[in-house]
């Protein structure tokens, strides 16, 4: 009886912590029409640098940690992989938009 109670307690504790085991990274927004109209070449380069920093942060934070153990127990780590993919996809889309904007505004090559 005591052993099953102990197992049940551990199982319930794992279920309770599983909800916060998935890492979250946030998203990079798409360029708004206002940004496209008003950003100059320097601002575009700054946004590219910020977005690349976001990608570096996601890659660093996605390295294996103790939270991954809980995520693997809860959903085999699928949630973390999906979150990372969505975060990187949003950043890559923004980088592509910023590069297109650089070309449209005829910013000097090699700056970004």
PDB file of N, CA and C in Angstrom:
ATOM      1  N   UNK A   1       0.826  -1.187   0.000  1.00  0.00           N
ATOM      2  CA  UNK A   1       0.000   0.000   0.000  1.00  0.00           C
ATOM      3  C   UNK A   1       0.866   1.246   0.000  1.00  0.00           C
ATOM      4  N   UNK A   2       1.874   1.283   0.852  1.00  0.00           N
ATOM      5  CA  UNK A   2       2.756   2.443   0.949  1.00  0.00           C
ATOM      6  C   UNK A   2       3.530   2.640  -0.353  1.00  0.00           C
ATOM      7  N   UNK A   3       3.944   1.520  -0.944  1.00  0.00           N
ATOM      8  CA  UNK A   3       4.684   1.608  -2.200  1.00  0.00           C
ATOM      9  C   UNK A   3       3.814   2.168  -3.319  1.00  0.00           C
ATOM     10  N   UNK A   4       2.561   1.724  -3.426  1.00  0.00           N
ATOM     11  CA  UNK A   4       1.685   2.234  -4.473  1.00  0.00           C
ATOM     12  C   UNK A   4       1.339   3.699  -4.226  1.00  0.00           C
ATOM     13  N   UNK A   5       1.227   4.096  -2.967  1.00  0.00           N
ATOM     14  CA  UNK A   5       0.971   5.494  -2.642  1.00  0.00           C
ATOM     15  C   UNK A   5       2.161   6.349  -3.052  1.00  0.00           C
ATOM     16  N   UNK A   6       3.349   5.860  -2.804  1.00  0.00           N
ATOM     17  CA  UNK A   6       4.562   6.591  -3.172  1.00  0.00           C
ATOM     18  C   UNK A   6       4.658   6.729  -4.688  1.00  0.00           C
ATOM     19  N   UNK A   7       4.378   5.648  -5.423  1.00  0.00           N
ATOM     20  CA  UNK A   7       4.397   5.689  -6.876  1.00  0.00           C
ATOM     21  C   UNK A   7       3.351   6.668  -7.389  1.00  0.00           C
ATOM     22  N   UNK A   8       2.167   6.630  -6.811  1.00  0.00           N
ATOM     23  CA  UNK A   8       1.101   7.536  -7.226  1.00  0.00           C
ATOM     24  C   UNK A   8       1.494   8.987  -6.977  1.00  0.00           C
ATOM     25  N   UNK A   9       2.137   9.250  -5.855  1.00  0.00           N
ATOM     26  CA  UNK A   9       2.577  10.612  -5.549  1.00  0.00           C
ATOM     27  C   UNK A   9       3.600  11.097  -6.560  1.00  0.00           C
ATOM     28  N   UNK A  10       4.526  10.247  -6.907  1.00  0.00           N
ATOM     29  CA  UNK A  10       5.548  10.608  -7.890  1.00  0.00           C
ATOM     30  C   UNK A  10       4.905  10.841  -9.251  1.00  0.00           C
ATOM     31  N   UNK A  11       3.983   9.972  -9.616  1.00  0.00           N
ATOM     32  CA  UNK A  11       3.308  10.100 -10.902  1.00  0.00           C
ATOM     33  C   UNK A  11       2.525  11.410 -10.983  1.00  0.00           C
ATOM     34  N   UNK A  12       1.806  11.745  -9.940  1.00  0.00           N
ATOM     35  CA  UNK A  12       1.043  12.999  -9.906  1.00  0.00           C
ATOM     36  C   UNK A  12       1.986  14.197  -9.961  1.00  0.00           C
ATOM     37  N   UNK A  13       3.095  14.132  -9.254  1.00  0.00           N
ATOM     38  CA  UNK A  13       4.069  15.226  -9.273  1.00  0.00           C
ATOM     39  C   UNK A  13       4.640  15.421 -10.673  1.00  0.00           C
ATOM     40  N   UNK A  14       4.932  14.325 -11.355  1.00  0.00           N
ATOM     41  CA  UNK A  14       5.438  14.414 -12.722  1.00  0.00           C
ATOM     42  C   UNK A  14       4.406  15.024 -13.659  1.00  0.00           C
ATOM     43  N   UNK A  15       3.155  14.636 -13.505  1.00  0.00           N
ATOM     44  CA  UNK A  15       2.098  15.202 -14.338  1.00  0.00           C
ATOM     45  C   UNK A  15       1.946  16.696 -14.106  1.00  0.00           C
ATOM     46  N   UNK A  16       2.071  17.123 -12.859  1.00  0.00           N
ATOM     47  CA  UNK A  16       1.931  18.536 -12.535  1.00  0.00           C
ATOM     48  C   UNK A  16       3.085  19.351 -13.110  1.00  0.00           C
ATOM     49  N   UNK A  17       4.290  18.817 -13.110  1.00  0.00           N
ATOM     50  CA  UNK A  17       5.439  19.556 -13.631  1.00  0.00           C
ATOM     51  C   UNK A  17       5.549  19.442 -15.134  1.00  0.00           C
ATOM     52  N   UNK A  18       4.894  18.498 -15.736  1.00  0.00           N
ATOM     53  CA  UNK A  18       4.990  18.303 -17.171  1.00  0.00           C
ATOM     54  C   UNK A  18       4.456  19.511 -17.931  1.00  0.00           C
ATOM     55  N   UNK A  19       3.470  20.175 -17.406  1.00  0.00           N
ATOM     56  CA  UNK A  19       2.893  21.323 -18.078  1.00  0.00           C
ATOM     57  C   UNK A  19       3.897  22.444 -18.283  1.00  0.00           C
ATOM     58  N   UNK A  20       4.870  22.553 -17.421  1.00  0.00           N
ATOM     59  CA  UNK A  20       5.858  23.619 -17.572  1.00  0.00           C
ATOM     60  C   UNK A  20       7.189  23.079 -18.083  1.00  0.00           C
ATOM     61  N   UNK A  21       7.221  21.848 -18.528  1.00  0.00           N
ATOM     62  CA  UNK A  21       8.470  21.253 -18.986  1.00  0.00           C
ATOM     63  C   UNK A  21       8.817  21.685 -20.406  1.00  0.00           C
ATOM     64  N   UNK A  22       7.828  22.013 -21.214  1.00  0.00           N
ATOM     65  CA  UNK A  22       8.097  22.428 -22.578  1.00  0.00           C
ATOM     66  C   UNK A  22       8.700  23.827 -22.571  1.00  0.00           C
ATOM     67  N   UNK A  23       9.796  23.981 -23.269  1.00  0.00           N
ATOM     68  CA  UNK A  23      10.458  25.276 -23.354  1.00  0.00           C
ATOM     69  C   UNK A  23       9.662  26.193 -24.277  1.00  0.00           C
ATOM     70  N   UNK A  24       9.709  27.477 -23.998  1.00  0.00           N
ATOM     71  CA  UNK A  24       9.074  28.461 -24.875  1.00  0.00           C
ATOM     72  C   UNK A  24      10.116  29.499 -25.277  1.00  0.00           C
ATOM     73  N   UNK A  25      10.085  29.895 -26.522  1.00  0.00           N
ATOM     74  CA  UNK A  25      11.085  30.809 -27.049  1.00  0.00           C
ATOM     75  C   UNK A  25      10.502  32.120 -27.539  1.00  0.00           C
ATOM     76  N   UNK A  26       9.227  32.155 -27.817  1.00  0.00           N
ATOM     77  CA  UNK A  26       8.644  33.352 -28.416  1.00  0.00           C
ATOM     78  C   UNK A  26       8.701  33.259 -29.933  1.00  0.00           C
ATOM     79  N   UNK A  27       8.273  34.312 -30.574  1.00  0.00           N
ATOM     80  CA  UNK A  27       8.254  34.360 -32.034  1.00  0.00           C
ATOM     81  C   UNK A  27       8.736  35.720 -32.504  1.00  0.00           C
ATOM     82  N   UNK A  28       9.236  35.747 -33.713  1.00  0.00           N
ATOM     83  CA  UNK A  28       9.584  36.990 -34.377  1.00  0.00           C
ATOM     84  C   UNK A  28       8.427  37.342 -35.296  1.00  0.00           C
ATOM     85  N   UNK A  29       7.965  38.565 -35.194  1.00  0.00           N
ATOM     86  CA  UNK A  29       6.830  38.988 -36.010  1.00  0.00           C
ATOM     87  C   UNK A  29       7.232  39.271 -37.445  1.00  0.00           C
ATOM     88  N   UNK A  30       6.264  39.167 -38.326  1.00  0.00           N
ATOM     89  CA  UNK A  30       6.517  39.528 -39.718  1.00  0.00           C
ATOM     90  C   UNK A  30       6.609  41.050 -39.813  1.00  0.00           C
ATOM     91  N   UNK A  31       7.234  41.529 -40.857  1.00  0.00           N
ATOM     92  CA  UNK A  31       7.368  42.970 -41.037  1.00  0.00           C
ATOM     93  C   UNK A  31       6.008  43.589 -41.341  1.00  0.00           C
ATOM     94  N   UNK A  32       5.735  44.668 -40.679  1.00  0.00           N
ATOM     95  CA  UNK A  32       4.485  45.387 -40.941  1.00  0.00           C
ATOM     96  C   UNK A  32       4.701  46.323 -42.126  1.00  0.00           C
ATOM     97  N   UNK A  33       3.619  46.791 -42.690  1.00  0.00           N
ATOM     98  CA  UNK A  33       3.749  47.735 -43.799  1.00  0.00           C
ATOM     99  C   UNK A  33       4.406  49.032 -43.323  1.00  0.00           C
ATOM    100  N   UNK A  34       4.155  49.427 -42.087  1.00  0.00           N
ATOM    101  CA  UNK A  34       4.790  50.623 -41.530  1.00  0.00           C
ATOM    102  C   UNK A  34       6.305  50.445 -41.474  1.00  0.00           C
ATOM    103  N   UNK A  35       6.759  49.277 -40.999  1.00  0.00           N
ATOM    104  CA  UNK A  35       8.200  49.012 -40.949  1.00  0.00           C
ATOM    105  C   UNK A  35       8.806  49.047 -42.350  1.00  0.00           C
ATOM    106  N   UNK A  36       8.121  48.431 -43.285  1.00  0.00           N
ATOM    107  CA  UNK A  36       8.626  48.400 -44.661  1.00  0.00           C
ATOM    108  C   UNK A  36       8.749  49.806 -45.237  1.00  0.00           C
ATOM    109  N   UNK A  37       7.800  50.664 -44.906  1.00  0.00           N
ATOM    110  CA  UNK A  37       7.802  52.027 -45.448  1.00  0.00           C
ATOM    111  C   UNK A  37       8.811  52.936 -44.768  1.00  0.00           C
ATOM    112  N   UNK A  38       9.074  52.734 -43.491  1.00  0.00           N
ATOM    113  CA  UNK A  38       9.858  53.715 -42.744  1.00  0.00           C
ATOM    114  C   UNK A  38      11.282  53.289 -42.398  1.00  0.00           C
ATOM    115  N   UNK A  39      11.593  52.013 -42.431  1.00  0.00           N
ATOM    116  CA  UNK A  39      12.934  51.580 -42.030  1.00  0.00           C
ATOM    117  C   UNK A  39      13.977  51.993 -43.055  1.00  0.00           C
ATOM    118  N   UNK A  40      15.096  52.521 -42.546  1.00  0.00           N
ATOM    119  CA  UNK A  40      16.218  52.819 -43.432  1.00  0.00           C
ATOM    120  C   UNK A  40      17.202  51.646 -43.376  1.00  0.00           C
ATOM    121  N   UNK A  41      18.260  51.743 -44.161  1.00  0.00           N
ATOM    122  CA  UNK A  41      19.210  50.622 -44.266  1.00  0.00           C
ATOM    123  C   UNK A  41      19.842  50.278 -42.918  1.00  0.00           C
ATOM    124  N   UNK A  42      20.187  51.283 -42.141  1.00  0.00           N
ATOM    125  CA  UNK A  42      20.798  51.024 -40.827  1.00  0.00           C
ATOM    126  C   UNK A  42      19.822  50.286 -39.917  1.00  0.00           C
ATOM    127  N   UNK A  43      18.570  50.704 -39.904  1.00  0.00           N
ATOM    128  CA  UNK A  43      17.559  50.044 -39.066  1.00  0.00           C
ATOM    129  C   UNK A  43      17.307  48.611 -39.522  1.00  0.00           C
ATOM    130  N   UNK A  44      17.339  48.393 -40.820  1.00  0.00           N
ATOM    131  CA  UNK A  44      17.179  47.027 -41.345  1.00  0.00           C
ATOM    132  C   UNK A  44      18.322  46.148 -40.855  1.00  0.00           C
ATOM    133  N   UNK A  45      19.543  46.676 -40.926  1.00  0.00           N
ATOM    134  CA  UNK A  45      20.706  45.910 -40.458  1.00  0.00           C
ATOM    135  C   UNK A  45      20.612  45.605 -38.968  1.00  0.00           C
ATOM    136  N   UNK A  46      20.141  46.576 -38.185  1.00  0.00           N
ATOM    137  CA  UNK A  46      19.962  46.348 -36.745  1.00  0.00           C
ATOM    138  C   UNK A  46      18.927  45.256 -36.490  1.00  0.00           C
ATOM    139  N   UNK A  47      17.838  45.279 -37.220  1.00  0.00           N
ATOM    140  CA  UNK A  47      16.801  44.249 -37.065  1.00  0.00           C
ATOM    141  C   UNK A  47      17.315  42.887 -37.487  1.00  0.00           C
ATOM    142  N   UNK A  48      18.119  42.841 -38.527  1.00  0.00           N
ATOM    143  CA  UNK A  48      18.735  41.567 -38.925  1.00  0.00           C
ATOM    144  C   UNK A  48      19.614  41.030 -37.805  1.00  0.00           C
ATOM    145  N   UNK A  49      20.399  41.915 -37.189  1.00  0.00           N
ATOM    146  CA  UNK A  49      21.274  41.486 -36.095  1.00  0.00           C
ATOM    147  C   UNK A  49      20.455  40.993 -34.906  1.00  0.00           C
ATOM    148  N   UNK A  50      19.379  41.682 -34.578  1.00  0.00           N
ATOM    149  CA  UNK A  50      18.520  41.260 -33.463  1.00  0.00           C
ATOM    150  C   UNK A  50      17.897  39.900 -33.751  1.00  0.00           C
ATOM    151  N   UNK A  51      17.451  39.711 -34.965  1.00  0.00           N
ATOM    152  CA  UNK A  51      16.802  38.445 -35.323  1.00  0.00           C
ATOM    153  C   UNK A  51      17.801  37.307 -35.325  1.00  0.00           C
ATOM    154  N   UNK A  52      19.007  37.568 -35.779  1.00  0.00           N
ATOM    155  CA  UNK A  52      20.055  36.537 -35.722  1.00  0.00           C
ATOM    156  C   UNK A  52      20.401  36.210 -34.266  1.00  0.00           C
ATOM    157  N   UNK A  53      20.375  37.230 -33.403  1.00  0.00           N
ATOM    158  CA  UNK A  53      20.590  37.004 -31.971  1.00  0.00           C
ATOM    159  C   UNK A  53      19.505  36.121 -31.385  1.00  0.00           C
ATOM    160  N   UNK A  54      18.263  36.319 -31.837  1.00  0.00           N
ATOM    161  CA  UNK A  54      17.150  35.482 -31.409  1.00  0.00           C
ATOM    162  C   UNK A  54      17.395  34.028 -31.812  1.00  0.00           C
ATOM    163  N   UNK A  55      17.852  33.814 -33.041  1.00  0.00           N
ATOM    164  CA  UNK A  55      18.149  32.454 -33.525  1.00  0.00           C
ATOM    165  C   UNK A  55      19.237  31.819 -32.662  1.00  0.00           C
ATOM    166  N   UNK A  56      20.287  32.580 -32.374  1.00  0.00           N
ATOM    167  CA  UNK A  56      21.366  32.064 -31.516  1.00  0.00           C
ATOM    168  C   UNK A  56      20.835  31.698 -30.131  1.00  0.00           C
ATOM    169  N   UNK A  57      19.960  32.539 -29.587  1.00  0.00           N
ATOM    170  CA  UNK A  57      19.368  32.287 -28.265  1.00  0.00           C
ATOM    171  C   UNK A  57      18.545  30.994 -28.278  1.00  0.00           C
ATOM    172  N   UNK A  58      17.729  30.819 -29.301  1.00  0.00           N
ATOM    173  CA  UNK A  58      16.906  29.607 -29.408  1.00  0.00           C
ATOM    174  C   UNK A  58      17.800  28.379 -29.497  1.00  0.00           C
ATOM    175  N   UNK A  59      18.830  28.457 -30.320  1.00  0.00           N
ATOM    176  CA  UNK A  59      19.736  27.308 -30.465  1.00  0.00           C
ATOM    177  C   UNK A  59      20.449  26.985 -29.157  1.00  0.00           C
ATOM    178  N   UNK A  60      20.853  28.009 -28.422  1.00  0.00           N
ATOM    179  CA  UNK A  60      21.537  27.785 -27.149  1.00  0.00           C
ATOM    180  C   UNK A  60      20.571  27.211 -26.108  1.00  0.00           C
ATOM    181  N   UNK A  61      19.387  27.783 -26.003  1.00  0.00           N
ATOM    182  CA  UNK A  61      18.408  27.332 -25.014  1.00  0.00           C
ATOM    183  C   UNK A  61      17.851  25.946 -25.322  1.00  0.00           C
ATOM    184  N   UNK A  62      17.927  25.535 -26.573  1.00  0.00           N
ATOM    185  CA  UNK A  62      17.362  24.233 -26.942  1.00  0.00           C
ATOM    186  C   UNK A  62      18.310  23.082 -26.645  1.00  0.00           C
ATOM    187  N   UNK A  63      19.506  23.403 -26.143  1.00  0.00           N
ATOM    188  CA  UNK A  63      20.424  22.339 -25.756  1.00  0.00           C
ATOM    189  C   UNK A  63      19.819  21.549 -24.596  1.00  0.00           C
ATOM    190  N   UNK A  64      20.217  20.306 -24.458  1.00  0.00           N
ATOM    191  CA  UNK A  64      19.632  19.390 -23.476  1.00  0.00           C
ATOM    192  C   UNK A  64      19.796  19.915 -22.050  1.00  0.00           C
ATOM    193  N   UNK A  65      18.704  19.854 -21.276  1.00  0.00           N
ATOM    194  CA  UNK A  65      18.741  20.287 -19.872  1.00  0.00           C
ATOM    195  C   UNK A  65      17.803  19.406 -19.045  1.00  0.00           C
ATOM    196  N   UNK A  66      17.698  19.707 -17.774  1.00  0.00           N
ATOM    197  CA  UNK A  66      16.819  18.953 -16.890  1.00  0.00           C
ATOM    198  C   UNK A  66      15.352  19.042 -17.296  1.00  0.00           C
ATOM    199  N   UNK A  67      14.961  20.176 -17.861  1.00  0.00           N
ATOM    200  CA  UNK A  67      13.578  20.309 -18.327  1.00  0.00           C
ATOM    201  C   UNK A  67      13.277  19.341 -19.456  1.00  0.00           C
ATOM    202  N   UNK A  68      14.299  18.994 -20.223  1.00  0.00           N
ATOM    203  CA  UNK A  68      14.108  18.048 -21.313  1.00  0.00           C
ATOM    204  C   UNK A  68      13.719  16.672 -20.789  1.00  0.00           C
ATOM    205  N   UNK A  69      14.250  16.307 -19.631  1.00  0.00           N
ATOM    206  CA  UNK A  69      13.915  15.008 -19.041  1.00  0.00           C
ATOM    207  C   UNK A  69      12.415  14.964 -18.760  1.00  0.00           C
ATOM    208  N   UNK A  70      11.885  16.026 -18.168  1.00  0.00           N
ATOM    209  CA  UNK A  70      10.446  16.076 -17.889  1.00  0.00           C
ATOM    210  C   UNK A  70       9.637  16.098 -19.175  1.00  0.00           C
ATOM    211  N   UNK A  71      10.120  16.826 -20.174  1.00  0.00           N
ATOM    212  CA  UNK A  71       9.406  16.888 -21.447  1.00  0.00           C
ATOM    213  C   UNK A  71       9.382  15.524 -22.128  1.00  0.00           C
ATOM    214  N   UNK A  72      10.495  14.803 -22.023  1.00  0.00           N
ATOM    215  CA  UNK A  72      10.557  13.471 -22.630  1.00  0.00           C
ATOM    216  C   UNK A  72       9.580  12.536 -21.930  1.00  0.00           C
ATOM    217  N   UNK A  73       9.485  12.662 -20.614  1.00  0.00           N
ATOM    218  CA  UNK A  73       8.529  11.835 -19.882  1.00  0.00           C
ATOM    219  C   UNK A  73       7.098  12.181 -20.258  1.00  0.00           C
ATOM    220  N   UNK A  74       6.851  13.456 -20.502  1.00  0.00           N
ATOM    221  CA  UNK A  74       5.482  13.891 -20.789  1.00  0.00           C
ATOM    222  C   UNK A  74       5.041  13.660 -22.212  1.00  0.00           C
ATOM    223  N   UNK A  75       5.877  14.042 -23.177  1.00  0.00           N
ATOM    224  CA  UNK A  75       5.445  13.931 -24.576  1.00  0.00           C
ATOM    225  C   UNK A  75       6.576  13.495 -25.499  1.00  0.00           C
ATOM    226  N   UNK A  76       7.544  12.792 -24.943  1.00  0.00           N
ATOM    227  CA  UNK A  76       8.690  12.278 -25.694  1.00  0.00           C
ATOM    228  C   UNK A  76       9.521  13.402 -26.315  1.00  0.00           C
ATOM    229  N   UNK A  77       9.432  14.621 -25.776  1.00  0.00           N
ATOM    230  CA  UNK A  77      10.216  15.748 -26.267  1.00  0.00           C
ATOM    231  C   UNK A  77       9.654  16.404 -27.509  1.00  0.00           C
ATOM    232  N   UNK A  78       8.485  15.943 -27.959  1.00  0.00           N
ATOM    233  CA  UNK A  78       7.897  16.475 -29.186  1.00  0.00           C
ATOM    234  C   UNK A  78       7.553  17.957 -29.024  1.00  0.00           C
ATOM    235  N   UNK A  79       7.043  18.334 -27.860  1.00  0.00           N
ATOM    236  CA  UNK A  79       6.662  19.727 -27.624  1.00  0.00           C
ATOM    237  C   UNK A  79       7.841  20.669 -27.769  1.00  0.00           C
ATOM    238  N   UNK A  80       8.993  20.293 -27.223  1.00  0.00           N
ATOM    239  CA  UNK A  80      10.178  21.134 -27.333  1.00  0.00           C
ATOM    240  C   UNK A  80      10.630  21.266 -28.783  1.00  0.00           C
ATOM    241  N   UNK A  81      10.594  20.178 -29.526  1.00  0.00           N
ATOM    242  CA  UNK A  81      10.985  20.234 -30.935  1.00  0.00           C
ATOM    243  C   UNK A  81      10.031  21.092 -31.746  1.00  0.00           C
ATOM    244  N   UNK A  82       8.747  20.976 -31.470  1.00  0.00           N
ATOM    245  CA  UNK A  82       7.767  21.792 -32.183  1.00  0.00           C
ATOM    246  C   UNK A  82       7.949  23.271 -31.855  1.00  0.00           C
ATOM    247  N   UNK A  83       8.193  23.587 -30.585  1.00  0.00           N
ATOM    248  CA  UNK A  83       8.389  24.973 -30.165  1.00  0.00           C
ATOM    249  C   UNK A  83       9.636  25.563 -30.816  1.00  0.00           C
ATOM    250  N   UNK A  84      10.721  24.802 -30.821  1.00  0.00           N
ATOM    251  CA  UNK A  84      11.958  25.279 -31.446  1.00  0.00           C
ATOM    252  C   UNK A  84      11.750  25.511 -32.940  1.00  0.00           C
ATOM    253  N   UNK A  85      11.108  24.578 -33.602  1.00  0.00           N
ATOM    254  CA  UNK A  85      10.870  24.710 -35.043  1.00  0.00           C
ATOM    255  C   UNK A  85      10.033  25.935 -35.365  1.00  0.00           C
ATOM    256  N   UNK A  86       8.981  26.164 -34.579  1.00  0.00           N
ATOM    257  CA  UNK A  86       8.113  27.319 -34.825  1.00  0.00           C
ATOM    258  C   UNK A  86       8.860  28.629 -34.579  1.00  0.00           C
ATOM    259  N   UNK A  87       9.685  28.675 -33.537  1.00  0.00           N
ATOM    260  CA  UNK A  87      10.459  29.881 -33.236  1.00  0.00           C
ATOM    261  C   UNK A  87      11.459  30.169 -34.350  1.00  0.00           C
ATOM    262  N   UNK A  88      12.169  29.147 -34.798  1.00  0.00           N
ATOM    263  CA  UNK A  88      13.153  29.337 -35.859  1.00  0.00           C
ATOM    264  C   UNK A  88      12.485  29.675 -37.186  1.00  0.00           C
ATOM    265  N   UNK A  89      11.339  29.094 -37.440  1.00  0.00           N
ATOM    266  CA  UNK A  89      10.606  29.401 -38.670  1.00  0.00           C
ATOM    267  C   UNK A  89      10.201  30.877 -38.700  1.00  0.00           C
ATOM    268  N   UNK A  90       9.727  31.395 -37.561  1.00  0.00           N
ATOM    269  CA  UNK A  90       9.327  32.801 -37.514  1.00  0.00           C
ATOM    270  C   UNK A  90      10.544  33.711 -37.722  1.00  0.00           C
ATOM    271  N   UNK A  91      11.674  33.339 -37.158  1.00  0.00           N
ATOM    272  CA  UNK A  91      12.890  34.144 -37.319  1.00  0.00           C
ATOM    273  C   UNK A  91      13.388  34.092 -38.756  1.00  0.00           C
ATOM    274  N   UNK A  92      13.381  32.916 -39.357  1.00  0.00           N
ATOM    275  CA  UNK A  92      13.841  32.791 -40.737  1.00  0.00           C
ATOM    276  C   UNK A  92      12.958  33.580 -41.698  1.00  0.00           C
ATOM    277  N   UNK A  93      11.660  33.590 -41.428  1.00  0.00           N
ATOM    278  CA  UNK A  93      10.738  34.364 -42.269  1.00  0.00           C
ATOM    279  C   UNK A  93      11.055  35.860 -42.145  1.00  0.00           C
ATOM    280  N   UNK A  94      11.309  36.318 -40.920  1.00  0.00           N
ATOM    281  CA  UNK A  94      11.629  37.737 -40.722  1.00  0.00           C
ATOM    282  C   UNK A  94      12.965  38.090 -41.385  1.00  0.00           C
ATOM    283  N   UNK A  95      13.954  37.225 -41.273  1.00  0.00           N
ATOM    284  CA  UNK A  95      15.249  37.475 -41.927  1.00  0.00           C
ATOM    285  C   UNK A  95      15.057  37.588 -43.441  1.00  0.00           C
ATOM    286  N   UNK A  96      14.264  36.703 -44.001  1.00  0.00           N
ATOM    287  CA  UNK A  96      14.002  36.739 -45.444  1.00  0.00           C
ATOM    288  C   UNK A  96      13.316  38.053 -45.831  1.00  0.00           C
ATOM    289  N   UNK A  97      12.334  38.492 -45.033  1.00  0.00           N
ATOM    290  CA  UNK A  97      11.646  39.744 -45.322  1.00  0.00           C
ATOM    291  C   UNK A  97      12.602  40.936 -45.220  1.00  0.00           C
ATOM    292  N   UNK A  98      13.475  40.913 -44.211  1.00  0.00           N
ATOM    293  CA  UNK A  98      14.435  42.001 -44.047  1.00  0.00           C
ATOM    294  C   UNK A  98      15.437  42.032 -45.204  1.00  0.00           C
ATOM    295  N   UNK A  99      15.865  40.878 -45.658  1.00  0.00           N
ATOM    296  CA  UNK A  99      16.777  40.829 -46.809  1.00  0.00           C
ATOM    297  C   UNK A  99      16.095  41.358 -48.073  1.00  0.00           C
ATOM    298  N   UNK A 100      14.840  40.978 -48.261  1.00  0.00           N
ATOM    299  CA  UNK A 100      14.081  41.492 -49.412  1.00  0.00           C
ATOM    300  C   UNK A 100      13.941  43.009 -49.324  1.00  0.00           C
ATOM    301  N   UNK A 101      13.689  43.515 -48.127  1.00  0.00           N
ATOM    302  CA  UNK A 101      13.555  44.957 -47.932  1.00  0.00           C
ATOM    303  C   UNK A 101      14.882  45.662 -48.214  1.00  0.00           C
ATOM    304  N   UNK A 102      15.998  45.053 -47.804  1.00  0.00           N
ATOM    305  CA  UNK A 102      17.320  45.627 -48.107  1.00  0.00           C
ATOM    306  C   UNK A 102      17.498  45.757 -49.614  1.00  0.00           C
ATOM    307  N   UNK A 103      17.098  44.730 -50.341  1.00  0.00           N
ATOM    308  CA  UNK A 103      17.243  44.760 -51.797  1.00  0.00           C
ATOM    309  C   UNK A 103      16.326  45.829 -52.408  1.00  0.00           C
ATOM    310  N   UNK A 104      15.101  45.906 -51.909  1.00  0.00           N
ATOM    311  CA  UNK A 104      14.136  46.887 -52.417  1.00  0.00           C
ATOM    312  C   UNK A 104      14.633  48.312 -52.197  1.00  0.00           C
ATOM    313  N   UNK A 105      15.223  48.548 -51.032  1.00  0.00           N
ATOM    314  CA  UNK A 105      15.700  49.889 -50.681  1.00  0.00           C
ATOM    315  C   UNK A 105      17.109  50.144 -51.206  1.00  0.00           C
ATOM    316  N   UNK A 106      17.668  49.162 -51.915  1.00  0.00           N
ATOM    317  CA  UNK A 106      18.997  49.268 -52.518  1.00  0.00           C
ATOM    318  C   UNK A 106      20.074  49.631 -51.496  1.00  0.00           C
ATOM    319  N   UNK A 107      20.041  48.919 -50.372  1.00  0.00           N
ATOM    320  CA  UNK A 107      21.067  49.106 -49.364  1.00  0.00           C
ATOM    321  C   UNK A 107      22.384  48.535 -49.895  1.00  0.00           C
ATOM    322  N   UNK A 108      23.472  49.090 -49.431  1.00  0.00           N
ATOM    323  CA  UNK A 108      24.785  48.654 -49.909  1.00  0.00           C
ATOM    324  C   UNK A 108      25.026  47.193 -49.561  1.00  0.00           C
ATOM    325  N   UNK A 109      25.553  46.406 -50.505  1.00  0.00           N
ATOM    326  CA  UNK A 109      25.818  44.990 -50.226  1.00  0.00           C
ATOM    327  C   UNK A 109      26.946  44.832 -49.209  1.00  0.00           C
ATOM    328  N   UNK A 110      26.907  43.693 -48.510  1.00  0.00           N
ATOM    329  CA  UNK A 110      27.969  43.357 -47.581  1.00  0.00           C
ATOM    330  C   UNK A 110      27.790  43.924 -46.193  1.00  0.00           C
ATOM    331  N   UNK A 111      26.806  44.779 -45.969  1.00  0.00           N
ATOM    332  CA  UNK A 111      26.591  45.321 -44.628  1.00  0.00           C
ATOM    333  C   UNK A 111      25.898  44.307 -43.747  1.00  0.00           C
ATOM    334  N   UNK A 112      25.020  43.508 -44.307  1.00  0.00           N
ATOM    335  CA  UNK A 112      24.276  42.547 -43.495  1.00  0.00           C
ATOM    336  C   UNK A 112      24.769  41.217 -43.819  1.00  0.00           C
TER     337      UNK A 112
END
